[in-house]
Amino acid sequence: MKRIILASKSVDRNWILKQAGISFKVIRTNIDENQFKETITNPVDLVKKLASVKANSAKNKLVKQKMEGIIIAADTIVELNGEIIGKAKDEAEAFNILKKLTGKSHNLITGLAITETNNSKLITDHDITSVEFLPLTDEEIYDYIKTNEWKGRAGAYSIRDKASLFIYRIVGSSSNVIGLPMHKLYLVLKDHFNLNLFHI
């Protein structure tokens, strides 16, 4: 059986793979995302590039450790009217992000990159989901910020938790909003790596 490696420290991606009953090992990667954000302005190109860099970084670690496996990496951003929104650095930035999103539709864009330690193949894909928030008052935004769910999340919210209370509409994959488009993952692994997730 092929070993699955998740190249991500995201608690949400970890959670969704566990929910699907998939066994995996986590390898954390530390890359400077800002260097790519400064030069790549297209949101789809950006998330696919970041996912690819994470996948290759994890692959290099595994090769050095002489470990084999299929590596899954992903990166997620929010796009609102052409503006790329990532993770909030602090509560003030989280408030400003949520204030921008309140009562509006935005795109949740995830880039996916999958590779394997014993060959040079690197397959990338992406998914886009439209999310619409209810109109929120400043007080409601502050109440949400107090939950600390915004930390480490693109767009400063988590659909898995309290944010579900103010998400009015989702058009597209809900797993993509969590941070890993499972249908895309399934198809890439099946079509390009001969791995059926029903069999692991």
N, C-alpha and C. Protein backbone atom coordinates (compact mmCIF):
# COMPACT_ATOMS: atom_id res chain seq x y z
N MET A 1 0.84 -1.19 0.00
CA MET A 1 0.00 0.00 0.00
C MET A 1 0.88 1.25 0.00
N LYS A 2 0.51 2.21 -0.83
CA LYS A 2 1.28 3.43 -0.91
C LYS A 2 0.99 4.34 0.29
N ARG A 3 2.05 4.93 0.84
CA ARG A 3 1.88 5.82 1.97
C ARG A 3 1.48 7.22 1.49
N ILE A 4 0.50 7.81 2.17
CA ILE A 4 0.06 9.16 1.86
C ILE A 4 0.76 10.13 2.80
N ILE A 5 1.33 11.18 2.24
CA ILE A 5 2.00 12.22 3.01
C ILE A 5 1.26 13.54 2.78
N LEU A 6 0.82 14.17 3.84
CA LEU A 6 0.19 15.48 3.74
C LEU A 6 1.22 16.55 4.09
N ALA A 7 1.58 17.35 3.08
CA ALA A 7 2.57 18.41 3.29
C ALA A 7 1.87 19.69 3.71
N SER A 8 1.35 19.67 4.93
CA SER A 8 0.58 20.82 5.41
C SER A 8 0.45 20.77 6.92
N LYS A 9 0.51 21.94 7.55
CA LYS A 9 0.27 22.02 8.99
C LYS A 9 -1.16 22.44 9.28
N SER A 10 -1.99 22.52 8.26
CA SER A 10 -3.39 22.95 8.40
C SER A 10 -4.20 21.93 9.20
N VAL A 11 -4.83 22.39 10.27
CA VAL A 11 -5.68 21.51 11.06
C VAL A 11 -6.92 21.10 10.27
N ASP A 12 -7.34 21.95 9.34
CA ASP A 12 -8.53 21.65 8.55
C ASP A 12 -8.27 20.55 7.52
N ARG A 13 -7.13 20.61 6.86
CA ARG A 13 -6.79 19.56 5.89
C ARG A 13 -6.56 18.24 6.61
N ASN A 14 -5.93 18.32 7.76
CA ASN A 14 -5.74 17.13 8.58
C ASN A 14 -7.10 16.52 8.95
N TRP A 15 -8.02 17.37 9.35
CA TRP A 15 -9.35 16.94 9.78
C TRP A 15 -10.13 16.27 8.63
N ILE A 16 -10.10 16.88 7.45
CA ILE A 16 -10.93 16.37 6.37
C ILE A 16 -10.42 15.02 5.85
N LEU A 17 -9.11 14.81 5.86
CA LEU A 17 -8.58 13.49 5.47
C LEU A 17 -8.97 12.43 6.50
N LYS A 18 -8.92 12.80 7.77
CA LYS A 18 -9.33 11.86 8.81
C LYS A 18 -10.81 11.52 8.69
N GLN A 19 -11.63 12.53 8.39
CA GLN A 19 -13.06 12.31 8.23
C GLN A 19 -13.36 11.34 7.10
N ALA A 20 -12.51 11.35 6.07
CA ALA A 20 -12.69 10.45 4.93
C ALA A 20 -12.08 9.07 5.19
N GLY A 21 -11.52 8.88 6.37
CA GLY A 21 -10.95 7.58 6.71
C GLY A 21 -9.65 7.27 6.02
N ILE A 22 -8.90 8.31 5.68
CA ILE A 22 -7.64 8.13 4.96
C ILE A 22 -6.47 8.19 5.94
N SER A 23 -5.63 7.17 5.90
CA SER A 23 -4.43 7.15 6.75
C SER A 23 -3.34 7.97 6.07
N PHE A 24 -2.65 8.79 6.87
CA PHE A 24 -1.61 9.64 6.28
C PHE A 24 -0.63 10.07 7.36
N LYS A 25 0.51 10.55 6.89
CA LYS A 25 1.53 11.11 7.76
C LYS A 25 1.70 12.58 7.39
N VAL A 26 1.95 13.43 8.37
CA VAL A 26 2.11 14.86 8.12
C VAL A 26 3.58 15.24 8.08
N ILE A 27 3.96 15.97 7.04
CA ILE A 27 5.29 16.57 6.95
C ILE A 27 5.07 18.08 6.83
N ARG A 28 5.62 18.84 7.74
CA ARG A 28 5.45 20.29 7.70
C ARG A 28 6.53 20.92 6.83
N THR A 29 6.14 21.91 6.07
CA THR A 29 7.09 22.64 5.23
C THR A 29 7.06 24.11 5.62
N ASN A 30 8.20 24.74 5.56
CA ASN A 30 8.30 26.17 5.84
C ASN A 30 8.85 26.87 4.61
N ILE A 31 7.98 27.57 3.91
CA ILE A 31 8.42 28.31 2.72
C ILE A 31 8.04 29.77 2.88
N ASP A 32 8.76 30.62 2.19
CA ASP A 32 8.47 32.05 2.22
C ASP A 32 7.43 32.36 1.15
N GLU A 33 6.16 32.40 1.56
CA GLU A 33 5.08 32.62 0.61
C GLU A 33 5.10 34.02 0.02
N ASN A 34 5.64 34.98 0.77
CA ASN A 34 5.60 36.38 0.32
C ASN A 34 6.37 36.61 -0.97
N GLN A 35 7.45 35.85 -1.17
CA GLN A 35 8.25 36.05 -2.38
C GLN A 35 7.45 35.72 -3.64
N PHE A 36 6.50 34.80 -3.52
CA PHE A 36 5.66 34.46 -4.66
C PHE A 36 4.47 35.41 -4.79
N LYS A 37 3.95 35.86 -3.65
CA LYS A 37 2.81 36.78 -3.68
C LYS A 37 3.19 38.13 -4.30
N GLU A 38 4.46 38.47 -4.22
CA GLU A 38 4.93 39.74 -4.78
C GLU A 38 5.05 39.68 -6.30
N THR A 39 5.23 38.48 -6.85
CA THR A 39 5.48 38.37 -8.29
C THR A 39 4.34 37.71 -9.07
N ILE A 40 3.47 36.96 -8.39
CA ILE A 40 2.37 36.27 -9.08
C ILE A 40 1.05 36.92 -8.65
N THR A 41 0.40 37.58 -9.59
CA THR A 41 -0.82 38.32 -9.26
C THR A 41 -2.09 37.54 -9.58
N ASN A 42 -1.99 36.53 -10.45
CA ASN A 42 -3.16 35.72 -10.77
C ASN A 42 -3.39 34.74 -9.63
N PRO A 43 -4.59 34.76 -8.99
CA PRO A 43 -4.81 33.92 -7.81
C PRO A 43 -4.69 32.43 -8.06
N VAL A 44 -5.14 31.94 -9.21
CA VAL A 44 -5.04 30.51 -9.51
C VAL A 44 -3.58 30.11 -9.69
N ASP A 45 -2.83 30.92 -10.44
CA ASP A 45 -1.41 30.64 -10.63
C ASP A 45 -0.67 30.66 -9.29
N LEU A 46 -1.07 31.58 -8.41
CA LEU A 46 -0.41 31.71 -7.12
C LEU A 46 -0.61 30.47 -6.25
N VAL A 47 -1.84 30.02 -6.10
CA VAL A 47 -2.08 28.86 -5.21
C VAL A 47 -1.47 27.59 -5.78
N LYS A 48 -1.47 27.44 -7.10
CA LYS A 48 -0.86 26.26 -7.69
C LYS A 48 0.67 26.28 -7.51
N LYS A 49 1.26 27.47 -7.63
CA LYS A 49 2.70 27.60 -7.42
C LYS A 49 3.07 27.30 -5.97
N LEU A 50 2.32 27.88 -5.03
CA LEU A 50 2.61 27.65 -3.62
C LEU A 50 2.44 26.18 -3.25
N ALA A 51 1.39 25.54 -3.77
CA ALA A 51 1.19 24.12 -3.50
C ALA A 51 2.34 23.29 -4.08
N SER A 52 2.80 23.65 -5.26
CA SER A 52 3.91 22.93 -5.90
C SER A 52 5.20 23.05 -5.10
N VAL A 53 5.47 24.26 -4.61
CA VAL A 53 6.68 24.48 -3.82
C VAL A 53 6.62 23.67 -2.52
N LYS A 54 5.45 23.64 -1.90
CA LYS A 54 5.28 22.84 -0.68
C LYS A 54 5.50 21.35 -0.96
N ALA A 55 4.92 20.88 -2.07
CA ALA A 55 5.05 19.46 -2.42
C ALA A 55 6.51 19.08 -2.66
N ASN A 56 7.23 19.92 -3.40
CA ASN A 56 8.63 19.63 -3.69
C ASN A 56 9.51 19.73 -2.45
N SER A 57 9.18 20.67 -1.56
CA SER A 57 9.92 20.80 -0.31
C SER A 57 9.76 19.54 0.54
N ALA A 58 8.52 19.05 0.64
CA ALA A 58 8.26 17.82 1.39
C ALA A 58 8.95 16.63 0.74
N LYS A 59 8.93 16.60 -0.58
CA LYS A 59 9.56 15.51 -1.31
C LYS A 59 11.06 15.44 -1.02
N ASN A 60 11.72 16.60 -1.02
CA ASN A 60 13.16 16.64 -0.73
C ASN A 60 13.45 16.11 0.67
N LYS A 61 12.60 16.45 1.63
CA LYS A 61 12.78 15.95 3.00
C LYS A 61 12.66 14.44 3.05
N LEU A 62 11.64 13.91 2.36
CA LEU A 62 11.40 12.47 2.39
C LEU A 62 12.51 11.69 1.70
N VAL A 63 13.00 12.23 0.59
CA VAL A 63 14.09 11.57 -0.14
C VAL A 63 15.33 11.48 0.75
N LYS A 64 15.61 12.57 1.48
CA LYS A 64 16.77 12.56 2.38
C LYS A 64 16.60 11.53 3.49
N GLN A 65 15.33 11.36 3.93
CA GLN A 65 15.04 10.39 4.99
C GLN A 65 14.84 8.97 4.44
N LYS A 66 14.96 8.84 3.11
CA LYS A 66 14.78 7.56 2.43
C LYS A 66 13.40 6.96 2.71
N MET A 67 12.40 7.84 2.70
CA MET A 67 11.02 7.42 2.88
C MET A 67 10.29 7.56 1.56
N GLU A 68 9.40 6.61 1.27
CA GLU A 68 8.63 6.66 0.04
C GLU A 68 7.18 7.03 0.35
N GLY A 69 6.54 7.68 -0.62
CA GLY A 69 5.14 8.02 -0.44
C GLY A 69 4.63 8.97 -1.50
N ILE A 70 3.33 9.13 -1.52
CA ILE A 70 2.67 10.11 -2.39
C ILE A 70 2.39 11.35 -1.55
N ILE A 71 2.84 12.48 -2.05
CA ILE A 71 2.78 13.73 -1.30
C ILE A 71 1.65 14.61 -1.80
N ILE A 72 0.82 15.06 -0.86
CA ILE A 72 -0.29 15.95 -1.17
C ILE A 72 0.00 17.31 -0.53
N ALA A 73 -0.03 18.35 -1.35
CA ALA A 73 0.16 19.70 -0.83
C ALA A 73 -0.94 20.60 -1.39
N ALA A 74 -1.28 21.61 -0.62
CA ALA A 74 -2.35 22.52 -1.06
C ALA A 74 -2.10 23.91 -0.50
N ASP A 75 -2.69 24.89 -1.15
CA ASP A 75 -2.66 26.26 -0.65
C ASP A 75 -3.99 26.92 -0.98
N THR A 76 -4.51 27.69 -0.03
CA THR A 76 -5.83 28.30 -0.20
C THR A 76 -5.76 29.80 0.03
N ILE A 77 -6.45 30.54 -0.83
CA ILE A 77 -6.59 31.98 -0.63
C ILE A 77 -8.04 32.37 -0.88
N VAL A 78 -8.38 33.58 -0.46
CA VAL A 78 -9.68 34.17 -0.75
C VAL A 78 -9.46 35.28 -1.78
N GLU A 79 -10.36 35.36 -2.75
CA GLU A 79 -10.30 36.42 -3.75
C GLU A 79 -11.61 37.19 -3.73
N LEU A 80 -11.51 38.50 -3.56
CA LEU A 80 -12.68 39.37 -3.53
C LEU A 80 -12.47 40.52 -4.50
N ASN A 81 -13.24 40.50 -5.59
CA ASN A 81 -13.17 41.57 -6.59
C ASN A 81 -11.73 41.84 -7.04
N GLY A 82 -10.98 40.77 -7.27
CA GLY A 82 -9.62 40.90 -7.76
C GLY A 82 -8.56 41.03 -6.68
N GLU A 83 -8.97 41.23 -5.44
CA GLU A 83 -8.01 41.34 -4.33
C GLU A 83 -7.74 39.96 -3.73
N ILE A 84 -6.48 39.63 -3.59
CA ILE A 84 -6.09 38.36 -2.98
C ILE A 84 -5.99 38.56 -1.47
N ILE A 85 -6.71 37.72 -0.74
CA ILE A 85 -6.73 37.81 0.73
C ILE A 85 -6.22 36.49 1.30
N GLY A 86 -5.21 36.59 2.14
CA GLY A 86 -4.64 35.39 2.76
C GLY A 86 -5.08 35.25 4.20
N LYS A 87 -4.12 34.95 5.07
CA LYS A 87 -4.39 34.75 6.49
C LYS A 87 -4.13 36.06 7.25
N ALA A 88 -4.93 36.29 8.26
CA ALA A 88 -4.75 37.48 9.09
C ALA A 88 -3.58 37.30 10.04
N LYS A 89 -2.81 38.36 10.22
CA LYS A 89 -1.66 38.31 11.12
C LYS A 89 -2.06 38.56 12.57
N ASP A 90 -3.14 39.32 12.76
CA ASP A 90 -3.58 39.64 14.12
C ASP A 90 -5.08 39.92 14.11
N GLU A 91 -5.64 40.26 15.26
CA GLU A 91 -7.07 40.47 15.38
C GLU A 91 -7.54 41.66 14.54
N ALA A 92 -6.74 42.70 14.50
CA ALA A 92 -7.12 43.89 13.73
C ALA A 92 -7.25 43.56 12.24
N GLU A 93 -6.29 42.79 11.73
CA GLU A 93 -6.36 42.41 10.32
C GLU A 93 -7.51 41.44 10.08
N ALA A 94 -7.77 40.55 11.05
CA ALA A 94 -8.91 39.64 10.92
C ALA A 94 -10.21 40.42 10.84
N PHE A 95 -10.34 41.44 11.66
CA PHE A 95 -11.54 42.28 11.62
C PHE A 95 -11.69 42.95 10.26
N ASN A 96 -10.61 43.52 9.74
CA ASN A 96 -10.66 44.21 8.45
C ASN A 96 -11.04 43.26 7.32
N ILE A 97 -10.52 42.04 7.37
CA ILE A 97 -10.85 41.05 6.34
C ILE A 97 -12.33 40.69 6.40
N LEU A 98 -12.81 40.36 7.60
CA LEU A 98 -14.20 39.95 7.75
C LEU A 98 -15.15 41.10 7.42
N LYS A 99 -14.73 42.31 7.72
CA LYS A 99 -15.54 43.50 7.38
C LYS A 99 -15.69 43.61 5.86
N LYS A 100 -14.63 43.29 5.13
CA LYS A 100 -14.69 43.32 3.66
C LYS A 100 -15.63 42.24 3.12
N LEU A 101 -15.63 41.08 3.78
CA LEU A 101 -16.39 39.95 3.27
C LEU A 101 -17.87 39.96 3.66
N THR A 102 -18.22 40.69 4.71
CA THR A 102 -19.58 40.65 5.22
C THR A 102 -20.61 41.06 4.17
N GLY A 103 -21.63 40.23 4.03
CA GLY A 103 -22.72 40.51 3.10
C GLY A 103 -22.36 40.35 1.63
N LYS A 104 -21.18 39.78 1.34
CA LYS A 104 -20.72 39.69 -0.05
C LYS A 104 -20.35 38.25 -0.42
N SER A 105 -20.28 38.03 -1.72
CA SER A 105 -19.76 36.76 -2.24
C SER A 105 -18.27 36.92 -2.53
N HIS A 106 -17.51 35.90 -2.20
CA HIS A 106 -16.09 35.88 -2.53
C HIS A 106 -15.72 34.49 -3.01
N ASN A 107 -14.56 34.37 -3.61
CA ASN A 107 -14.10 33.08 -4.11
C ASN A 107 -13.05 32.49 -3.17
N LEU A 108 -13.24 31.23 -2.87
CA LEU A 108 -12.27 30.46 -2.11
C LEU A 108 -11.51 29.60 -3.13
N ILE A 109 -10.22 29.85 -3.29
CA ILE A 109 -9.43 29.20 -4.34
C ILE A 109 -8.35 28.34 -3.69
N THR A 110 -8.35 27.06 -4.02
CA THR A 110 -7.34 26.14 -3.50
C THR A 110 -6.53 25.55 -4.65
N GLY A 111 -5.22 25.62 -4.51
CA GLY A 111 -4.33 24.95 -5.44
C GLY A 111 -3.90 23.62 -4.85
N LEU A 112 -3.82 22.61 -5.69
CA LEU A 112 -3.48 21.26 -5.27
C LEU A 112 -2.25 20.80 -6.05
N ALA A 113 -1.28 20.21 -5.36
CA ALA A 113 -0.10 19.65 -6.02
C ALA A 113 0.19 18.28 -5.43
N ILE A 114 0.36 17.30 -6.29
CA ILE A 114 0.62 15.92 -5.84
C ILE A 114 1.83 15.37 -6.58
N THR A 115 2.73 14.77 -5.82
CA THR A 115 3.93 14.17 -6.40
C THR A 115 4.24 12.89 -5.65
N GLU A 116 5.28 12.21 -6.09
CA GLU A 116 5.67 10.94 -5.47
C GLU A 116 7.18 10.90 -5.33
N THR A 117 7.65 10.29 -4.27
CA THR A 117 9.08 10.33 -3.99
C THR A 117 9.92 9.59 -5.04
N ASN A 118 9.36 8.57 -5.66
CA ASN A 118 10.18 7.74 -6.54
C ASN A 118 10.03 8.07 -8.03
N ASN A 119 9.41 9.21 -8.34
CA ASN A 119 9.41 9.66 -9.73
C ASN A 119 9.29 11.18 -9.79
N SER A 120 9.45 11.74 -10.97
CA SER A 120 9.50 13.21 -11.13
C SER A 120 8.13 13.82 -11.43
N LYS A 121 7.11 13.01 -11.44
CA LYS A 121 5.77 13.50 -11.77
C LYS A 121 5.26 14.49 -10.72
N LEU A 122 4.74 15.61 -11.18
CA LEU A 122 4.09 16.59 -10.31
C LEU A 122 2.81 17.05 -11.00
N ILE A 123 1.68 16.71 -10.42
CA ILE A 123 0.38 17.05 -11.00
C ILE A 123 -0.25 18.17 -10.18
N THR A 124 -0.68 19.23 -10.85
CA THR A 124 -1.33 20.34 -10.16
C THR A 124 -2.76 20.50 -10.67
N ASP A 125 -3.60 21.03 -9.81
CA ASP A 125 -4.99 21.32 -10.15
C ASP A 125 -5.46 22.41 -9.20
N HIS A 126 -6.67 22.87 -9.40
CA HIS A 126 -7.22 23.88 -8.50
C HIS A 126 -8.74 23.78 -8.49
N ASP A 127 -9.33 24.39 -7.50
CA ASP A 127 -10.79 24.44 -7.43
C ASP A 127 -11.20 25.82 -6.90
N ILE A 128 -12.37 26.28 -7.35
CA ILE A 128 -12.89 27.58 -6.93
C ILE A 128 -14.31 27.41 -6.41
N THR A 129 -14.56 27.88 -5.21
CA THR A 129 -15.88 27.82 -4.61
C THR A 129 -16.32 29.23 -4.22
N SER A 130 -17.55 29.56 -4.54
CA SER A 130 -18.10 30.87 -4.17
C SER A 130 -18.78 30.77 -2.81
N VAL A 131 -18.44 31.69 -1.92
CA VAL A 131 -19.01 31.71 -0.57
C VAL A 131 -19.62 33.09 -0.32
N GLU A 132 -20.82 33.10 0.21
CA GLU A 132 -21.48 34.37 0.52
C GLU A 132 -21.80 34.45 2.01
N PHE A 133 -21.39 35.55 2.62
CA PHE A 133 -21.66 35.79 4.03
C PHE A 133 -22.98 36.53 4.22
N LEU A 134 -23.62 36.29 5.35
CA LEU A 134 -24.71 37.16 5.79
C LEU A 134 -24.12 38.54 6.13
N PRO A 135 -24.92 39.59 6.11
CA PRO A 135 -24.44 40.89 6.62
C PRO A 135 -24.15 40.77 8.12
N LEU A 136 -22.98 41.21 8.53
CA LEU A 136 -22.58 41.12 9.94
C LEU A 136 -22.34 42.51 10.51
N THR A 137 -22.75 42.71 11.75
CA THR A 137 -22.43 43.95 12.44
C THR A 137 -21.00 43.88 12.96
N ASP A 138 -20.46 45.03 13.34
CA ASP A 138 -19.11 45.04 13.92
C ASP A 138 -19.07 44.19 15.18
N GLU A 139 -20.13 44.25 15.97
CA GLU A 139 -20.18 43.46 17.20
C GLU A 139 -20.13 41.96 16.91
N GLU A 140 -20.85 41.54 15.87
CA GLU A 140 -20.84 40.12 15.50
C GLU A 140 -19.46 39.69 15.01
N ILE A 141 -18.79 40.57 14.28
CA ILE A 141 -17.44 40.26 13.82
C ILE A 141 -16.49 40.13 15.00
N TYR A 142 -16.60 41.05 15.96
CA TYR A 142 -15.75 40.97 17.15
C TYR A 142 -16.05 39.70 17.95
N ASP A 143 -17.32 39.33 18.03
CA ASP A 143 -17.68 38.09 18.73
C ASP A 143 -17.02 36.89 18.07
N TYR A 144 -17.01 36.89 16.74
CA TYR A 144 -16.38 35.78 16.02
C TYR A 144 -14.87 35.76 16.24
N ILE A 145 -14.26 36.92 16.20
CA ILE A 145 -12.81 37.00 16.38
C ILE A 145 -12.40 36.43 17.74
N LYS A 146 -13.25 36.61 18.74
CA LYS A 146 -12.94 36.09 20.08
C LYS A 146 -12.84 34.56 20.10
N THR A 147 -13.42 33.90 19.13
CA THR A 147 -13.33 32.43 19.08
C THR A 147 -11.93 31.95 18.69
N ASN A 148 -11.13 32.84 18.09
CA ASN A 148 -9.78 32.53 17.59
C ASN A 148 -9.76 31.59 16.40
N GLU A 149 -10.94 31.33 15.81
CA GLU A 149 -10.98 30.47 14.63
C GLU A 149 -10.29 31.10 13.42
N TRP A 150 -10.16 32.40 13.44
CA TRP A 150 -9.55 33.11 12.30
C TRP A 150 -8.07 32.78 12.14
N LYS A 151 -7.43 32.33 13.22
CA LYS A 151 -5.99 32.12 13.19
C LYS A 151 -5.60 31.01 12.21
N GLY A 152 -4.70 31.35 11.29
CA GLY A 152 -4.19 30.36 10.34
C GLY A 152 -5.14 30.00 9.23
N ARG A 153 -6.26 30.75 9.10
CA ARG A 153 -7.25 30.45 8.07
C ARG A 153 -7.30 31.54 6.99
N ALA A 154 -7.28 31.13 5.74
CA ALA A 154 -7.45 32.09 4.65
C ALA A 154 -8.81 32.76 4.78
N GLY A 155 -8.84 34.08 4.66
CA GLY A 155 -10.09 34.80 4.80
C GLY A 155 -10.52 34.99 6.24
N ALA A 156 -9.72 34.51 7.18
CA ALA A 156 -9.95 34.69 8.63
C ALA A 156 -11.22 34.02 9.13
N TYR A 157 -11.57 32.87 8.54
CA TYR A 157 -12.73 32.13 9.06
C TYR A 157 -12.60 30.65 8.77
N SER A 158 -13.37 29.86 9.52
CA SER A 158 -13.40 28.41 9.33
C SER A 158 -14.83 27.94 9.18
N ILE A 159 -15.14 27.37 8.03
CA ILE A 159 -16.50 26.88 7.78
C ILE A 159 -16.86 25.72 8.70
N ARG A 160 -15.86 25.05 9.26
CA ARG A 160 -16.13 23.89 10.13
C ARG A 160 -16.72 24.28 11.47
N ASP A 161 -16.54 25.53 11.84
CA ASP A 161 -16.87 25.92 13.21
C ASP A 161 -17.92 27.04 13.24
N LYS A 162 -17.70 28.06 14.05
CA LYS A 162 -18.71 29.10 14.26
C LYS A 162 -19.04 29.90 12.99
N ALA A 163 -18.13 29.96 12.05
CA ALA A 163 -18.41 30.70 10.82
C ALA A 163 -19.57 30.12 10.05
N SER A 164 -19.89 28.86 10.29
CA SER A 164 -21.04 28.25 9.62
C SER A 164 -22.34 28.98 9.97
N LEU A 165 -22.34 29.73 11.06
CA LEU A 165 -23.54 30.47 11.47
C LEU A 165 -23.84 31.64 10.54
N PHE A 166 -22.81 32.17 9.86
CA PHE A 166 -23.06 33.34 9.01
C PHE A 166 -22.71 33.12 7.54
N ILE A 167 -22.48 31.87 7.16
CA ILE A 167 -22.28 31.58 5.74
C ILE A 167 -23.65 31.28 5.13
N TYR A 168 -24.09 32.19 4.27
CA TYR A 168 -25.43 32.12 3.70
C TYR A 168 -25.52 31.16 2.53
N ARG A 169 -24.51 31.17 1.68
CA ARG A 169 -24.59 30.35 0.46
C ARG A 169 -23.19 29.88 0.06
N ILE A 170 -23.13 28.63 -0.41
CA ILE A 170 -21.91 28.08 -0.99
C ILE A 170 -22.25 27.52 -2.37
N VAL A 171 -21.50 27.94 -3.37
CA VAL A 171 -21.67 27.40 -4.72
C VAL A 171 -20.37 26.71 -5.11
N GLY A 172 -20.42 25.38 -5.14
CA GLY A 172 -19.21 24.61 -5.43
C GLY A 172 -18.91 23.63 -4.32
N SER A 173 -17.67 23.20 -4.26
CA SER A 173 -17.25 22.17 -3.31
C SER A 173 -17.10 22.73 -1.90
N SER A 174 -17.80 22.11 -0.94
CA SER A 174 -17.66 22.54 0.45
C SER A 174 -16.31 22.10 1.03
N SER A 175 -15.78 20.96 0.56
CA SER A 175 -14.48 20.52 1.06
C SER A 175 -13.38 21.48 0.60
N ASN A 176 -13.58 22.12 -0.53
CA ASN A 176 -12.62 23.12 -1.00
C ASN A 176 -12.56 24.30 -0.04
N VAL A 177 -13.71 24.67 0.53
CA VAL A 177 -13.74 25.77 1.50
C VAL A 177 -12.97 25.40 2.75
N ILE A 178 -12.97 24.13 3.09
CA ILE A 178 -12.20 23.65 4.24
C ILE A 178 -10.70 23.68 3.93
N GLY A 179 -10.36 23.57 2.65
CA GLY A 179 -8.95 23.69 2.28
C GLY A 179 -8.40 22.57 1.44
N LEU A 180 -9.25 21.58 1.10
CA LEU A 180 -8.79 20.46 0.28
C LEU A 180 -9.95 19.94 -0.55
N PRO A 181 -9.97 20.25 -1.86
CA PRO A 181 -11.06 19.77 -2.71
C PRO A 181 -10.96 18.26 -2.92
N MET A 182 -11.76 17.53 -2.18
CA MET A 182 -11.61 16.07 -2.13
C MET A 182 -11.90 15.40 -3.46
N HIS A 183 -12.84 15.93 -4.23
CA HIS A 183 -13.13 15.30 -5.53
C HIS A 183 -11.95 15.45 -6.48
N LYS A 184 -11.25 16.58 -6.41
CA LYS A 184 -10.07 16.77 -7.24
C LYS A 184 -8.94 15.84 -6.79
N LEU A 185 -8.78 15.73 -5.47
CA LEU A 185 -7.76 14.84 -4.92
C LEU A 185 -8.01 13.41 -5.36
N TYR A 186 -9.24 12.98 -5.26
CA TYR A 186 -9.61 11.62 -5.66
C TYR A 186 -9.26 11.35 -7.12
N LEU A 187 -9.64 12.29 -8.00
CA LEU A 187 -9.42 12.08 -9.43
C LEU A 187 -7.93 12.10 -9.80
N VAL A 188 -7.17 13.03 -9.21
CA VAL A 188 -5.74 13.09 -9.52
C VAL A 188 -5.03 11.82 -9.06
N LEU A 189 -5.34 11.35 -7.86
CA LEU A 189 -4.69 10.13 -7.36
C LEU A 189 -5.08 8.91 -8.19
N LYS A 190 -6.33 8.85 -8.60
CA LYS A 190 -6.80 7.70 -9.38
C LYS A 190 -6.24 7.73 -10.80
N ASP A 191 -6.29 8.90 -11.43
CA ASP A 191 -5.92 9.00 -12.85
C ASP A 191 -4.41 9.06 -13.08
N HIS A 192 -3.67 9.63 -12.15
CA HIS A 192 -2.24 9.86 -12.38
C HIS A 192 -1.31 9.03 -11.50
N PHE A 193 -1.82 8.48 -10.38
CA PHE A 193 -0.96 7.74 -9.47
C PHE A 193 -1.50 6.33 -9.19
N ASN A 194 -2.54 5.96 -9.92
CA ASN A 194 -3.10 4.60 -9.81
C ASN A 194 -3.44 4.25 -8.36
N LEU A 195 -4.03 5.22 -7.66
CA LEU A 195 -4.38 5.03 -6.26
C LEU A 195 -5.85 5.37 -6.06
N ASN A 196 -6.62 4.40 -5.63
CA ASN A 196 -8.04 4.59 -5.36
C ASN A 196 -8.24 4.77 -3.86
N LEU A 197 -8.73 5.94 -3.46
CA LEU A 197 -8.87 6.24 -2.04
C LEU A 197 -9.91 5.36 -1.34
N PHE A 198 -10.76 4.69 -2.09
CA PHE A 198 -11.68 3.74 -1.49
C PHE A 198 -10.97 2.49 -0.99
N HIS A 199 -9.76 2.27 -1.48
CA HIS A 199 -9.04 1.05 -1.18
C HIS A 199 -7.97 1.22 -0.11
N ILE A 200 -7.95 2.36 0.56
CA ILE A 200 -6.94 2.54 1.61
C ILE A 200 -7.63 2.89 2.94
